[in-house]
Amino acid sequence: MKSNGIIRYAALVAALLCATLPSCRRTADEPSLPEAETAVQVGFRISLGALGGAARATRADGYDDGRGVDYENHIDFEHGSYRFLFFDLQNRYLASFTPTRLRPVEFGAFRSKVYEVGGTIPKPLPEDFKVVVLANWPDYPDGLTVGVTTIEQICSAACGRYAYTPPFRLGERLIPFYGVKLCEGVTFIRDLQTDLGTIHLLRAMAKIEVACVTPGWNISGVALQRYNAAGYCAPSGVYGFGDYSWPDYVGTLHLVGDRNDAEPKSLDFAPSAQGTFVAYVPEYRNLAGGTTDVRAQDAAELRVTFRESGDKEYPVEFKYYTSVPAGSRLGDPFDIRRNYYYKFTITKAAEPLIVVDVYPYEEVELDPGFGLLSASKNEKRNEK
């Protein structure tokens, strides 16, 4: 690391991307058991964990996958803020599921990344279908029509929008989630629970964290210049686990009205108990329309102040300063995306230089220098 000041940003691709998805099949060979024609038991897990099949990675110092903060992974089961829906292979609605068993599997109710779900459905589904999970939405769709209502209609419906009014305090507000999984070759057996595997959830918001690690320098404030006052709880065009993957998933924003808010606004970050400054925000487009390397006129940026510098503000753009991923160049801007964890670590001397690192939300791979998980590396991870 250079001796002069550095803002070290980690755009943690929260690809909430989670453990390798088992197919929704029975693992035991049960040819003699009768297939069900009436109500059947089903069970599955919902997860905010890591994409399995990838090599284990070294976490960055101070990295938090959500289990270190109350409510970051929390689903409001107590007040029924969830829906479990089934769809056919054409993404058309089949049925809903009301569970009789909901419980966190690890780390207690407020920090668990895995939840276990079980219950009964009135009749067996086709052997190939999709499971969709909606959680912590401000409202949920009703009047769903079998064979007509689609996944995209739900993801883009007015009830699928959330209003964002700062300060967004976890516990008072919860992050909306969305997940979908394709189940193939399922056989439902009477009096036996059919395991549907794991459905992996995507956060609707980005997390931004700023910290200073230089002795003698203390951040007095962090503000985000420009943000959107609303967002969608679900992404658009994500109808299966393959749609979560880099680069397809992270290449698409789902903005209300397909644009940023016209009115400029400033958002003050909240100090954490660890001395960092944190905010959870909706998606925001920093790239000029139709481009991959041009900063939009209304692009967002951070403003950081230090106790030792009085009122002087240090602007920090959402762009690559070094360690550029494949397909990008130094100075290229990038959007604020759902499911990303942007971590800025400031090393302050006189005037800071800015260095950007990009690594995923859940697992951090570091090179000997600053470290970078490039697109090519991530594509290989997703192929496993």
Protein backbone atom coordinates (compact mmCIF):
# COMPACT_ATOMS: atom_id res chain seq x y z
CA MET A 1 0.00 0.00 0.00
CA LYS A 2 1.29 3.46 -0.86
CA SER A 3 2.46 5.64 1.99
CA ASN A 4 0.31 8.59 0.98
CA GLY A 5 -3.37 8.63 1.77
CA ILE A 6 -5.56 6.05 0.20
CA ILE A 7 -9.25 5.54 0.07
CA ARG A 8 -9.60 1.86 -0.40
CA TYR A 9 -12.98 1.01 -1.70
CA ALA A 10 -14.34 -2.45 -1.91
CA ALA A 11 -17.36 -2.81 -4.11
CA LEU A 12 -18.46 -6.01 -2.50
CA VAL A 13 -20.59 -7.60 -5.11
CA ALA A 14 -23.06 -8.87 -2.87
CA ALA A 15 -23.96 -11.26 -5.05
CA LEU A 16 -25.65 -12.86 -2.17
CA LEU A 17 -25.00 -15.50 -4.28
CA CYS A 18 -25.23 -18.52 -2.24
CA ALA A 19 -24.41 -22.24 -1.84
CA THR A 20 -24.53 -24.36 -4.95
CA LEU A 21 -28.13 -25.14 -5.61
CA PRO A 22 -29.10 -28.75 -5.21
CA SER A 23 -31.71 -29.79 -7.72
CA CYS A 24 -35.18 -30.35 -6.35
CA ARG A 25 -35.11 -34.12 -6.47
CA ARG A 26 -35.50 -36.86 -3.91
CA THR A 27 -32.12 -38.35 -3.12
CA ALA A 28 -33.45 -41.75 -2.12
CA ASP A 29 -34.56 -44.38 -4.59
CA GLU A 30 -38.19 -45.06 -3.66
CA PRO A 31 -39.84 -46.84 -6.59
CA SER A 32 -42.34 -48.66 -4.42
CA LEU A 33 -43.80 -45.62 -2.67
CA PRO A 34 -47.10 -44.29 -4.04
CA GLU A 35 -47.07 -40.87 -5.68
CA ALA A 36 -49.36 -38.40 -3.96
CA GLU A 37 -52.60 -37.18 -5.47
CA THR A 38 -53.74 -35.03 -2.55
CA ALA A 39 -52.04 -32.75 -0.03
CA VAL A 40 -48.27 -33.26 0.28
CA GLN A 41 -45.51 -32.05 2.58
CA VAL A 42 -42.67 -29.90 1.28
CA GLY A 43 -39.64 -28.36 2.90
CA PHE A 44 -36.78 -26.13 1.82
CA ARG A 45 -34.23 -23.64 3.08
CA ILE A 46 -33.89 -19.99 2.20
CA SER A 47 -30.38 -18.63 2.35
CA LEU A 48 -28.33 -15.46 2.14
CA GLY A 49 -25.09 -17.44 2.06
CA ALA A 50 -22.24 -17.87 -0.41
CA LEU A 51 -22.15 -19.47 -3.83
CA GLY A 52 -20.92 -23.00 -3.28
CA GLY A 53 -18.44 -24.85 -5.44
CA ALA A 54 -15.98 -21.96 -5.28
CA ALA A 55 -12.66 -22.12 -3.52
CA ARG A 56 -12.69 -20.72 -0.04
CA ALA A 57 -11.44 -17.17 0.09
CA THR A 58 -9.76 -14.97 2.65
CA ARG A 59 -12.01 -12.35 4.17
CA ALA A 60 -10.79 -8.78 4.30
CA ASP A 61 -10.15 -7.25 7.72
CA GLY A 62 -13.39 -5.86 9.12
CA TYR A 63 -15.51 -7.62 6.50
CA ASP A 64 -19.08 -8.24 7.62
CA ASP A 65 -21.40 -10.59 5.72
CA GLY A 66 -24.44 -9.39 7.64
CA ARG A 67 -24.13 -11.75 10.58
CA GLY A 68 -22.29 -9.07 12.54
CA VAL A 69 -25.26 -6.69 12.44
CA ASP A 70 -28.71 -7.27 13.87
CA TYR A 71 -31.50 -7.30 11.29
CA GLU A 72 -29.32 -7.12 8.15
CA ASN A 73 -30.34 -10.70 7.30
CA HIS A 74 -33.59 -10.67 9.24
CA ILE A 75 -36.93 -11.77 7.75
CA ASP A 76 -40.08 -10.67 9.59
CA PHE A 77 -41.72 -14.07 9.93
CA GLU A 78 -43.41 -12.98 13.16
CA HIS A 79 -45.65 -10.53 11.31
CA GLY A 80 -46.09 -12.65 8.18
CA SER A 81 -43.98 -10.47 5.90
CA TYR A 82 -43.25 -13.14 3.31
CA ARG A 83 -44.81 -15.02 0.41
CA PHE A 84 -43.91 -18.38 -1.12
CA LEU A 85 -45.20 -18.83 -4.67
CA PHE A 86 -44.96 -21.56 -7.30
CA PHE A 87 -44.69 -20.94 -11.06
CA ASP A 88 -44.44 -23.10 -14.17
CA LEU A 89 -41.50 -23.14 -16.56
CA GLN A 90 -43.04 -20.26 -18.52
CA ASN A 91 -42.98 -18.17 -15.31
CA ARG A 92 -46.77 -18.31 -14.92
CA TYR A 93 -48.39 -18.58 -11.50
CA LEU A 94 -49.40 -22.05 -10.23
CA ALA A 95 -50.10 -21.85 -6.49
CA SER A 96 -49.14 -20.31 -3.15
CA PHE A 97 -47.69 -22.00 -0.10
CA THR A 98 -48.41 -21.17 3.55
CA PRO A 99 -45.73 -22.75 5.75
CA THR A 100 -46.35 -24.28 9.15
CA ARG A 101 -42.67 -24.27 10.12
CA LEU A 102 -40.33 -21.25 9.92
CA ARG A 103 -37.14 -20.96 11.91
CA PRO A 104 -33.62 -19.51 11.70
CA VAL A 105 -30.94 -22.19 11.47
CA GLU A 106 -27.95 -20.23 12.77
CA PHE A 107 -26.83 -17.17 14.75
CA GLY A 108 -30.21 -16.40 16.27
CA ALA A 109 -33.30 -14.79 14.83
CA PHE A 110 -31.75 -11.42 14.00
CA ARG A 111 -28.50 -12.54 12.33
CA SER A 112 -29.16 -15.92 10.74
CA LYS A 113 -28.30 -16.32 7.07
CA VAL A 114 -30.26 -19.57 6.70
CA TYR A 115 -33.92 -20.25 7.45
CA GLU A 116 -35.79 -23.54 7.37
CA VAL A 117 -39.31 -23.66 5.91
CA GLY A 118 -41.83 -26.49 5.88
CA GLY A 119 -45.52 -27.19 5.44
CA THR A 120 -48.20 -28.70 3.24
CA ILE A 121 -49.47 -27.85 -0.23
CA PRO A 122 -53.03 -28.86 -1.23
CA LYS A 123 -51.94 -31.03 -4.16
CA PRO A 124 -48.74 -32.03 -5.94
CA LEU A 125 -47.15 -29.66 -8.43
CA PRO A 126 -45.85 -30.63 -11.88
CA GLU A 127 -42.48 -32.38 -11.73
CA ASP A 128 -40.81 -29.22 -13.10
CA PHE A 129 -41.64 -25.84 -11.53
CA LYS A 130 -40.18 -22.74 -9.91
CA VAL A 131 -40.29 -21.50 -6.31
CA VAL A 132 -40.32 -17.74 -5.69
CA VAL A 133 -39.72 -16.18 -2.26
CA LEU A 134 -40.71 -12.59 -1.40
CA ALA A 135 -39.76 -11.25 2.02
CA ASN A 136 -39.93 -7.93 3.91
CA TRP A 137 -41.93 -6.26 1.14
CA PRO A 138 -44.11 -3.29 2.19
CA ASP A 139 -47.02 -4.92 0.36
CA TYR A 140 -47.66 -8.12 -1.55
CA PRO A 141 -49.56 -8.96 -4.74
CA ASP A 142 -53.07 -10.33 -4.44
CA GLY A 143 -55.55 -11.59 -6.99
CA LEU A 144 -52.95 -13.80 -8.65
CA THR A 145 -54.42 -15.72 -11.59
CA VAL A 146 -53.30 -19.29 -12.28
CA GLY A 147 -51.67 -19.57 -15.69
CA VAL A 148 -51.79 -15.80 -16.26
CA THR A 149 -49.85 -13.82 -13.61
CA THR A 150 -46.12 -13.89 -14.32
CA ILE A 151 -42.99 -13.50 -12.21
CA GLU A 152 -42.11 -10.29 -14.04
CA GLN A 153 -45.52 -8.78 -13.34
CA ILE A 154 -44.96 -9.34 -9.62
CA CYS A 155 -41.40 -8.01 -9.69
CA SER A 156 -42.46 -4.83 -11.51
CA ALA A 157 -45.81 -4.25 -9.80
CA ALA A 158 -46.54 -1.16 -7.73
CA CYS A 159 -46.77 -3.32 -4.61
CA GLY A 160 -43.20 -4.42 -5.30
CA ARG A 161 -41.82 -0.90 -4.72
CA TYR A 162 -40.51 0.39 -1.43
CA ALA A 163 -40.21 4.00 -0.34
CA TYR A 164 -36.83 5.09 0.97
CA THR A 165 -36.76 7.83 3.59
CA PRO A 166 -33.55 8.37 5.54
CA PRO A 167 -32.42 7.56 8.07
CA PHE A 168 -32.86 3.89 7.19
CA ARG A 169 -32.26 2.16 10.52
CA LEU A 170 -32.20 -1.63 10.61
CA GLY A 171 -34.78 -2.89 13.07
CA GLU A 172 -37.07 0.02 12.32
CA ARG A 173 -36.93 -0.93 8.64
CA LEU A 174 -35.91 -4.20 7.00
CA ILE A 175 -34.21 -4.87 3.68
CA PRO A 176 -36.57 -6.46 1.12
CA PHE A 177 -35.54 -9.83 -0.36
CA TYR A 178 -36.33 -11.81 -3.50
CA GLY A 179 -35.34 -15.32 -4.53
CA VAL A 180 -36.23 -17.87 -7.20
CA LYS A 181 -35.26 -21.45 -7.91
CA LEU A 182 -35.99 -23.95 -10.67
CA CYS A 183 -36.98 -27.41 -9.42
CA GLU A 184 -36.81 -30.28 -11.90
CA GLY A 185 -37.85 -33.92 -11.84
CA VAL A 186 -39.68 -33.71 -8.50
CA THR A 187 -41.80 -36.65 -7.35
CA PHE A 188 -44.19 -36.01 -4.48
CA ILE A 189 -44.75 -39.03 -2.21
CA ARG A 190 -47.70 -39.37 0.12
CA ASP A 191 -46.84 -39.01 3.83
CA LEU A 192 -43.24 -38.03 3.09
CA GLN A 193 -41.75 -34.53 3.00
CA THR A 194 -40.31 -33.58 -0.37
CA ASP A 195 -37.12 -31.53 0.00
CA LEU A 196 -36.92 -28.69 -2.53
CA GLY A 197 -33.36 -27.73 -1.59
CA THR A 198 -32.25 -24.13 -1.04
CA ILE A 199 -33.65 -20.88 -2.44
CA HIS A 200 -31.08 -18.08 -2.39
CA LEU A 201 -32.24 -14.57 -1.66
CA LEU A 202 -31.08 -11.28 -3.15
CA ARG A 203 -31.10 -8.04 -1.16
CA ALA A 204 -32.97 -5.14 -2.74
CA MET A 205 -30.46 -2.57 -1.46
CA ALA A 206 -26.76 -1.79 -1.50
CA LYS A 207 -24.67 -1.39 1.64
CA ILE A 208 -22.02 1.35 1.73
CA GLU A 209 -19.48 1.53 4.53
CA VAL A 210 -16.69 4.08 5.07
CA ALA A 211 -13.86 3.80 7.61
CA CYS A 212 -10.53 5.50 8.33
CA VAL A 213 -7.65 3.37 9.63
CA THR A 214 -4.91 6.02 9.93
CA PRO A 215 -4.00 6.90 13.54
CA GLY A 216 -4.58 10.56 14.25
CA TRP A 217 -7.24 10.97 11.59
CA ASN A 218 -10.92 10.64 12.44
CA ILE A 219 -13.91 10.83 10.12
CA SER A 220 -16.42 13.39 11.32
CA GLY A 221 -19.02 12.81 8.64
CA VAL A 222 -19.91 10.99 5.42
CA ALA A 223 -22.65 12.07 3.04
CA LEU A 224 -23.96 10.55 -0.18
CA GLN A 225 -24.78 13.21 -2.76
CA ARG A 226 -27.78 12.02 -4.81
CA TYR A 227 -29.80 8.88 -4.16
CA ASN A 228 -33.18 7.48 -5.15
CA ALA A 229 -36.17 7.81 -2.84
CA ALA A 230 -37.72 4.52 -3.99
CA GLY A 231 -36.68 1.15 -5.29
CA TYR A 232 -38.01 -2.22 -6.42
CA CYS A 233 -37.96 -5.11 -3.98
CA ALA A 234 -37.02 -7.52 -6.77
CA PRO A 235 -34.78 -7.29 -9.82
CA SER A 236 -36.21 -7.46 -13.32
CA GLY A 237 -35.60 -10.45 -15.57
CA VAL A 238 -34.36 -12.80 -12.83
CA TYR A 239 -36.40 -15.99 -13.25
CA GLY A 240 -33.88 -18.60 -12.09
CA PHE A 241 -30.59 -19.02 -10.28
CA GLY A 242 -28.64 -18.68 -13.53
CA ASP A 243 -29.93 -15.11 -13.82
CA TYR A 244 -28.17 -14.24 -10.55
CA SER A 245 -24.78 -14.91 -12.10
CA TRP A 246 -22.09 -12.47 -13.22
CA PRO A 247 -22.23 -10.68 -15.55
CA ASP A 248 -25.91 -10.99 -16.44
CA TYR A 249 -27.42 -10.25 -13.04
CA VAL A 250 -25.13 -7.42 -12.02
CA GLY A 251 -25.47 -5.77 -15.42
CA THR A 252 -29.10 -4.78 -14.95
CA LEU A 253 -30.57 -2.10 -12.71
CA HIS A 254 -34.26 -2.11 -11.83
CA LEU A 255 -35.11 1.53 -11.16
CA VAL A 256 -38.57 2.98 -10.55
CA GLY A 257 -39.48 4.70 -13.80
CA ASP A 258 -36.20 3.37 -15.24
CA ARG A 259 -34.43 6.56 -14.16
CA ASN A 260 -32.83 8.33 -11.22
CA ASP A 261 -34.75 10.89 -9.19
CA ALA A 262 -34.54 14.33 -10.77
CA GLU A 263 -34.29 16.09 -7.43
CA PRO A 264 -30.77 16.10 -5.90
CA LYS A 265 -30.66 14.97 -2.26
CA SER A 266 -27.98 14.44 0.38
CA LEU A 267 -27.91 11.46 2.73
CA ASP A 268 -25.87 11.52 5.95
CA PHE A 269 -24.35 8.19 6.98
CA ALA A 270 -24.88 6.85 10.49
CA PRO A 271 -21.85 6.11 12.68
CA SER A 272 -21.60 2.50 13.82
CA ALA A 273 -20.37 1.09 17.12
CA GLN A 274 -17.19 0.03 15.31
CA GLY A 275 -16.40 3.61 14.31
CA THR A 276 -17.34 3.20 10.65
CA PHE A 277 -20.08 5.09 8.78
CA VAL A 278 -22.79 2.97 7.13
CA ALA A 279 -25.80 3.47 4.87
CA TYR A 280 -28.20 1.12 3.07
CA VAL A 281 -29.50 2.64 -0.17
CA PRO A 282 -31.56 1.79 -3.27
CA GLU A 283 -29.93 1.23 -6.64
CA TYR A 284 -28.66 4.29 -8.50
CA ARG A 285 -27.43 4.77 -12.08
CA ASN A 286 -24.03 6.48 -12.29
CA LEU A 287 -23.38 5.58 -15.93
CA ALA A 288 -24.68 7.79 -18.71
CA GLY A 289 -27.47 6.07 -20.61
CA GLY A 290 -26.29 3.50 -23.13
CA THR A 291 -22.64 3.71 -22.06
CA THR A 292 -20.28 1.61 -19.97
CA ASP A 293 -17.57 4.19 -19.35
CA VAL A 294 -19.19 7.67 -19.24
CA ARG A 295 -20.17 9.25 -15.93
CA ALA A 296 -23.72 10.57 -15.87
CA GLN A 297 -24.26 14.24 -15.11
CA ASP A 298 -26.39 13.26 -12.12
CA ALA A 299 -23.97 10.59 -10.83
CA ALA A 300 -23.81 10.04 -7.08
CA GLU A 301 -20.66 10.62 -5.04
CA LEU A 302 -19.49 10.52 -1.44
CA ARG A 303 -18.31 13.53 0.58
CA VAL A 304 -16.04 12.73 3.54
CA THR A 305 -14.96 15.16 6.27
CA PHE A 306 -12.34 14.74 9.02
CA ARG A 307 -12.18 16.32 12.46
CA GLU A 308 -8.60 17.31 11.73
CA SER A 309 -9.53 19.13 8.48
CA GLY A 310 -12.37 21.29 9.68
CA ASP A 311 -15.18 21.68 7.13
CA LYS A 312 -13.13 20.58 4.13
CA GLU A 313 -14.92 17.91 2.11
CA TYR A 314 -13.15 15.15 0.20
CA PRO A 315 -15.21 13.95 -2.80
CA VAL A 316 -15.12 10.24 -3.66
CA GLU A 317 -16.67 9.08 -6.93
CA PHE A 318 -17.99 5.64 -7.71
CA LYS A 319 -15.29 4.84 -10.27
CA TYR A 320 -12.20 2.67 -10.75
CA TYR A 321 -9.03 4.33 -9.54
CA THR A 322 -6.80 1.23 -9.81
CA SER A 323 -7.09 -2.57 -9.91
CA VAL A 324 -9.48 -2.33 -12.83
CA PRO A 325 -11.58 -5.42 -13.66
CA ALA A 326 -11.54 -7.00 -17.11
CA GLY A 327 -13.45 -4.91 -19.63
CA SER A 328 -13.04 -1.64 -17.73
CA ARG A 329 -10.43 1.13 -17.64
CA LEU A 330 -9.02 3.47 -15.05
CA GLY A 331 -11.55 6.18 -14.29
CA ASP A 332 -14.58 4.24 -15.53
CA PRO A 333 -17.64 4.92 -13.35
CA PHE A 334 -19.93 2.19 -12.12
CA ASP A 335 -23.49 2.04 -10.81
CA ILE A 336 -24.71 1.50 -7.25
CA ARG A 337 -26.38 -1.89 -7.45
CA ARG A 338 -28.63 -3.99 -5.27
CA ASN A 339 -26.81 -6.83 -3.53
CA TYR A 340 -23.49 -5.01 -3.49
CA TYR A 341 -21.44 -4.11 -0.41
CA TYR A 342 -19.28 -1.04 -1.07
CA LYS A 343 -16.56 -0.72 1.53
CA PHE A 344 -14.26 2.30 1.52
CA THR A 345 -11.23 2.09 3.79
CA ILE A 346 -9.42 5.42 4.05
CA THR A 347 -5.72 5.74 4.77
CA LYS A 348 -5.21 9.47 5.27
CA ALA A 349 -1.89 11.31 5.09
CA ALA A 350 -2.07 14.86 3.76
CA GLU A 351 -4.31 14.73 0.68
CA PRO A 352 -5.73 11.26 0.06
CA LEU A 353 -5.28 9.30 -3.12
CA ILE A 354 -8.12 7.00 -4.04
CA VAL A 355 -7.71 3.33 -4.85
CA VAL A 356 -10.57 0.99 -5.68
CA ASP A 357 -10.76 -2.74 -5.00
CA VAL A 358 -13.66 -4.87 -6.18
CA TYR A 359 -14.53 -8.13 -4.49
CA PRO A 360 -17.75 -10.01 -3.76
CA TYR A 361 -20.10 -9.39 -0.87
CA GLU A 362 -19.95 -12.87 0.56
CA GLU A 363 -16.40 -14.08 -0.03
CA VAL A 364 -13.30 -11.96 -0.47
CA GLU A 365 -10.41 -13.00 -2.67
CA LEU A 366 -7.35 -10.83 -2.22
CA ASP A 367 -4.25 -10.66 -4.37
CA PRO A 368 -0.97 -9.72 -2.65
CA GLY A 369 -1.63 -6.06 -3.46
CA PHE A 370 -5.10 -4.67 -3.09
CA GLY A 371 -6.83 -7.67 -4.59
CA LEU A 372 -9.47 -7.98 -7.24
CA LEU A 373 -12.04 -10.53 -8.27
CA SER A 374 -12.23 -9.84 -11.98
CA ALA A 375 -15.15 -10.72 -14.18
CA SER A 376 -13.22 -13.62 -15.66
CA LYS A 377 -12.56 -15.09 -12.20
CA ASN A 378 -16.17 -14.71 -11.19
CA GLU A 379 -17.41 -16.34 -14.37
CA LYS A 380 -15.26 -19.37 -13.55
CA ARG A 381 -16.76 -19.46 -10.05
CA ASN A 382 -20.28 -19.49 -11.45
CA GLU A 383 -19.48 -22.27 -13.89
CA LYS A 384 -18.73 -24.68 -11.04
